[in-house]
Amino acid sequence: MNALYQRKIVVNGELKEASSVQTKVEQDIAFLQHRINLMKKQKVPNSVVIETYENMLKSRQSVLAWLRDGNSEQEIRLI
């Protein structure tokens, strides 16, 4: 991406560079994948918590796909 033009998005009412948000989302995805794998290996996995984490993971994967798409005509707000 051109150094003079950095995509910006609104996060909690503040304008942020998309690249920094993308890094945070990638970290969240790695964390969630790790936690899901650990929970599934427990003797008695908590299916409700696993399902919740899997839904959070899907959400973050969708946000990451949008960030990577580079569609600057859309606006996304992360809460």
N, C-alpha and C. Protein backbone atom coordinates (compact mmCIF):
# COMPACT_ATOMS: atom_id res chain seq x y z
N MET A 1 0.85 -1.17 0.00
CA MET A 1 0.00 0.00 0.00
C MET A 1 0.89 1.23 0.00
N ASN A 2 0.48 2.25 -0.67
CA ASN A 2 1.23 3.50 -0.75
C ASN A 2 1.41 4.09 0.65
N ALA A 3 2.66 4.47 0.95
CA ALA A 3 2.96 5.01 2.28
C ALA A 3 2.23 6.31 2.54
N LEU A 4 1.89 7.04 1.49
CA LEU A 4 1.18 8.31 1.67
C LEU A 4 -0.30 8.10 1.97
N TYR A 5 -0.80 6.93 1.62
CA TYR A 5 -2.22 6.66 1.84
C TYR A 5 -2.37 5.43 2.74
N GLN A 6 -2.82 5.65 3.93
CA GLN A 6 -3.09 4.55 4.86
C GLN A 6 -4.60 4.53 5.11
N ARG A 7 -5.21 3.37 4.88
CA ARG A 7 -6.66 3.27 5.13
C ARG A 7 -6.93 3.52 6.60
N LYS A 8 -8.01 4.20 6.85
CA LYS A 8 -8.43 4.51 8.22
C LYS A 8 -9.82 3.93 8.45
N ILE A 9 -10.06 3.51 9.68
CA ILE A 9 -11.38 3.04 10.09
C ILE A 9 -11.69 3.64 11.46
N VAL A 10 -12.96 3.62 11.82
CA VAL A 10 -13.39 4.15 13.10
C VAL A 10 -13.52 3.00 14.09
N VAL A 11 -12.82 3.13 15.22
CA VAL A 11 -12.87 2.14 16.29
C VAL A 11 -13.20 2.88 17.58
N ASN A 12 -14.34 2.55 18.16
CA ASN A 12 -14.79 3.22 19.39
C ASN A 12 -14.77 4.74 19.24
N GLY A 13 -15.18 5.22 18.09
CA GLY A 13 -15.27 6.65 17.85
C GLY A 13 -13.96 7.33 17.51
N GLU A 14 -12.88 6.55 17.39
CA GLU A 14 -11.57 7.13 17.06
C GLU A 14 -11.12 6.62 15.69
N LEU A 15 -10.47 7.48 14.94
CA LEU A 15 -9.93 7.11 13.64
C LEU A 15 -8.61 6.36 13.85
N LYS A 16 -8.51 5.15 13.30
CA LYS A 16 -7.32 4.31 13.46
C LYS A 16 -6.84 3.85 12.09
N GLU A 17 -5.54 3.53 12.00
CA GLU A 17 -5.01 2.95 10.78
C GLU A 17 -5.45 1.50 10.71
N ALA A 18 -5.92 1.09 9.53
CA ALA A 18 -6.43 -0.27 9.35
C ALA A 18 -5.35 -1.31 9.64
N SER A 19 -4.10 -1.02 9.34
CA SER A 19 -3.03 -2.00 9.54
C SER A 19 -2.85 -2.34 11.02
N SER A 20 -3.00 -1.35 11.90
CA SER A 20 -2.86 -1.64 13.34
C SER A 20 -4.04 -2.45 13.85
N VAL A 21 -5.22 -2.17 13.31
CA VAL A 21 -6.41 -2.94 13.69
C VAL A 21 -6.27 -4.37 13.17
N GLN A 22 -5.75 -4.53 11.96
CA GLN A 22 -5.57 -5.85 11.38
C GLN A 22 -4.62 -6.69 12.25
N THR A 23 -3.56 -6.09 12.72
CA THR A 23 -2.62 -6.80 13.60
C THR A 23 -3.32 -7.28 14.86
N LYS A 24 -4.12 -6.42 15.47
CA LYS A 24 -4.85 -6.79 16.69
C LYS A 24 -5.84 -7.91 16.41
N VAL A 25 -6.54 -7.85 15.30
CA VAL A 25 -7.51 -8.89 14.95
C VAL A 25 -6.79 -10.23 14.72
N GLU A 26 -5.64 -10.19 14.07
CA GLU A 26 -4.85 -11.41 13.86
C GLU A 26 -4.42 -12.01 15.19
N GLN A 27 -4.04 -11.17 16.14
CA GLN A 27 -3.67 -11.66 17.47
C GLN A 27 -4.87 -12.28 18.18
N ASP A 28 -6.02 -11.64 18.07
CA ASP A 28 -7.25 -12.19 18.67
C ASP A 28 -7.56 -13.56 18.09
N ILE A 29 -7.42 -13.70 16.78
CA ILE A 29 -7.71 -14.98 16.11
C ILE A 29 -6.77 -16.06 16.63
N ALA A 30 -5.50 -15.76 16.72
CA ALA A 30 -4.53 -16.74 17.22
C ALA A 30 -4.86 -17.15 18.66
N PHE A 31 -5.22 -16.17 19.49
CA PHE A 31 -5.58 -16.45 20.87
C PHE A 31 -6.80 -17.36 20.94
N LEU A 32 -7.84 -17.01 20.19
CA LEU A 32 -9.07 -17.79 20.22
C LEU A 32 -8.85 -19.22 19.71
N GLN A 33 -8.09 -19.37 18.65
CA GLN A 33 -7.79 -20.71 18.13
C GLN A 33 -7.07 -21.54 19.18
N HIS A 34 -6.11 -20.93 19.86
CA HIS A 34 -5.36 -21.63 20.91
C HIS A 34 -6.29 -22.05 22.05
N ARG A 35 -7.12 -21.13 22.51
CA ARG A 35 -8.03 -21.43 23.63
C ARG A 35 -9.03 -22.52 23.25
N ILE A 36 -9.57 -22.46 22.04
CA ILE A 36 -10.53 -23.47 21.59
C ILE A 36 -9.86 -24.84 21.58
N ASN A 37 -8.65 -24.92 21.04
CA ASN A 37 -7.93 -26.20 21.02
C ASN A 37 -7.68 -26.74 22.42
N LEU A 38 -7.29 -25.87 23.34
CA LEU A 38 -7.07 -26.31 24.72
C LEU A 38 -8.36 -26.79 25.37
N MET A 39 -9.44 -26.06 25.18
CA MET A 39 -10.71 -26.44 25.79
C MET A 39 -11.23 -27.76 25.24
N LYS A 40 -11.03 -28.00 23.96
CA LYS A 40 -11.50 -29.25 23.36
C LYS A 40 -10.73 -30.46 23.89
N LYS A 41 -9.53 -30.24 24.42
CA LYS A 41 -8.71 -31.33 24.94
C LYS A 41 -9.01 -31.64 26.41
N GLN A 42 -9.84 -30.85 27.06
CA GLN A 42 -10.17 -31.09 28.46
C GLN A 42 -10.99 -32.37 28.59
N LYS A 43 -10.91 -32.97 29.76
CA LYS A 43 -11.66 -34.21 30.00
C LYS A 43 -13.16 -33.99 29.80
N VAL A 44 -13.65 -32.88 30.29
CA VAL A 44 -15.06 -32.54 30.13
C VAL A 44 -15.13 -31.14 29.50
N PRO A 45 -15.08 -31.08 28.17
CA PRO A 45 -15.11 -29.78 27.50
C PRO A 45 -16.43 -29.06 27.74
N ASN A 46 -16.36 -27.77 27.96
CA ASN A 46 -17.55 -26.96 28.16
C ASN A 46 -18.03 -26.50 26.78
N SER A 47 -19.04 -27.18 26.27
CA SER A 47 -19.51 -26.92 24.90
C SER A 47 -20.07 -25.51 24.72
N VAL A 48 -20.65 -24.95 25.77
CA VAL A 48 -21.21 -23.59 25.67
C VAL A 48 -20.08 -22.57 25.49
N VAL A 49 -19.03 -22.71 26.27
CA VAL A 49 -17.90 -21.79 26.16
C VAL A 49 -17.19 -21.98 24.82
N ILE A 50 -17.01 -23.21 24.42
CA ILE A 50 -16.37 -23.49 23.13
C ILE A 50 -17.17 -22.87 21.99
N GLU A 51 -18.48 -23.04 22.03
CA GLU A 51 -19.34 -22.47 20.99
C GLU A 51 -19.24 -20.94 20.98
N THR A 52 -19.21 -20.34 22.16
CA THR A 52 -19.08 -18.89 22.25
C THR A 52 -17.76 -18.43 21.64
N TYR A 53 -16.67 -19.11 21.99
CA TYR A 53 -15.36 -18.76 21.43
C TYR A 53 -15.33 -18.98 19.91
N GLU A 54 -15.97 -20.03 19.43
CA GLU A 54 -16.00 -20.29 17.99
C GLU A 54 -16.77 -19.18 17.26
N ASN A 55 -17.85 -18.70 17.87
CA ASN A 55 -18.60 -17.59 17.28
C ASN A 55 -17.77 -16.31 17.27
N MET A 56 -17.03 -16.07 18.34
CA MET A 56 -16.13 -14.91 18.38
C MET A 56 -15.05 -15.04 17.30
N LEU A 57 -14.54 -16.25 17.12
CA LEU A 57 -13.51 -16.50 16.11
C LEU A 57 -14.05 -16.22 14.71
N LYS A 58 -15.23 -16.71 14.42
CA LYS A 58 -15.84 -16.46 13.10
C LYS A 58 -16.02 -14.97 12.85
N SER A 59 -16.43 -14.25 13.88
CA SER A 59 -16.63 -12.82 13.76
C SER A 59 -15.31 -12.12 13.42
N ARG A 60 -14.26 -12.46 14.14
CA ARG A 60 -12.96 -11.84 13.90
C ARG A 60 -12.39 -12.23 12.54
N GLN A 61 -12.65 -13.46 12.12
CA GLN A 61 -12.19 -13.88 10.79
C GLN A 61 -12.91 -13.07 9.71
N SER A 62 -14.17 -12.76 9.92
CA SER A 62 -14.91 -11.93 8.97
C SER A 62 -14.35 -10.52 8.91
N VAL A 63 -14.04 -9.96 10.08
CA VAL A 63 -13.45 -8.62 10.12
C VAL A 63 -12.09 -8.63 9.42
N LEU A 64 -11.28 -9.66 9.66
CA LEU A 64 -9.98 -9.75 9.02
C LEU A 64 -10.11 -9.84 7.51
N ALA A 65 -11.06 -10.62 7.05
CA ALA A 65 -11.29 -10.73 5.60
C ALA A 65 -11.65 -9.37 5.02
N TRP A 66 -12.49 -8.62 5.73
CA TRP A 66 -12.86 -7.28 5.26
C TRP A 66 -11.64 -6.36 5.23
N LEU A 67 -10.84 -6.40 6.28
CA LEU A 67 -9.64 -5.56 6.32
C LEU A 67 -8.68 -5.90 5.19
N ARG A 68 -8.53 -7.17 4.90
CA ARG A 68 -7.61 -7.59 3.84
C ARG A 68 -8.16 -7.28 2.45
N ASP A 69 -9.47 -7.21 2.35
CA ASP A 69 -10.11 -6.94 1.06
C ASP A 69 -9.73 -5.56 0.55
N GLY A 70 -9.57 -4.62 1.45
CA GLY A 70 -9.15 -3.28 1.06
C GLY A 70 -10.22 -2.44 0.43
N ASN A 71 -11.46 -2.75 0.70
CA ASN A 71 -12.56 -1.98 0.14
C ASN A 71 -12.71 -0.69 0.92
N SER A 72 -12.16 0.40 0.39
CA SER A 72 -12.15 1.67 1.10
C SER A 72 -13.48 2.41 1.01
N GLU A 73 -14.43 1.91 0.24
CA GLU A 73 -15.72 2.58 0.12
C GLU A 73 -16.65 2.22 1.26
N GLN A 74 -16.30 1.19 2.02
CA GLN A 74 -17.13 0.80 3.14
C GLN A 74 -16.52 1.33 4.42
N GLU A 75 -17.34 1.47 5.44
CA GLU A 75 -16.84 1.87 6.75
C GLU A 75 -17.20 0.77 7.73
N ILE A 76 -16.31 0.46 8.63
CA ILE A 76 -16.60 -0.54 9.65
C ILE A 76 -16.34 0.08 11.02
N ARG A 77 -17.19 -0.20 11.96
CA ARG A 77 -17.02 0.29 13.31
C ARG A 77 -16.83 -0.92 14.21
N LEU A 78 -15.72 -0.95 14.93
CA LEU A 78 -15.44 -2.04 15.86
C LEU A 78 -15.70 -1.55 17.27
N ILE A 79 -16.43 -2.32 18.02
CA ILE A 79 -16.78 -1.92 19.38
C ILE A 79 -16.04 -2.80 20.34
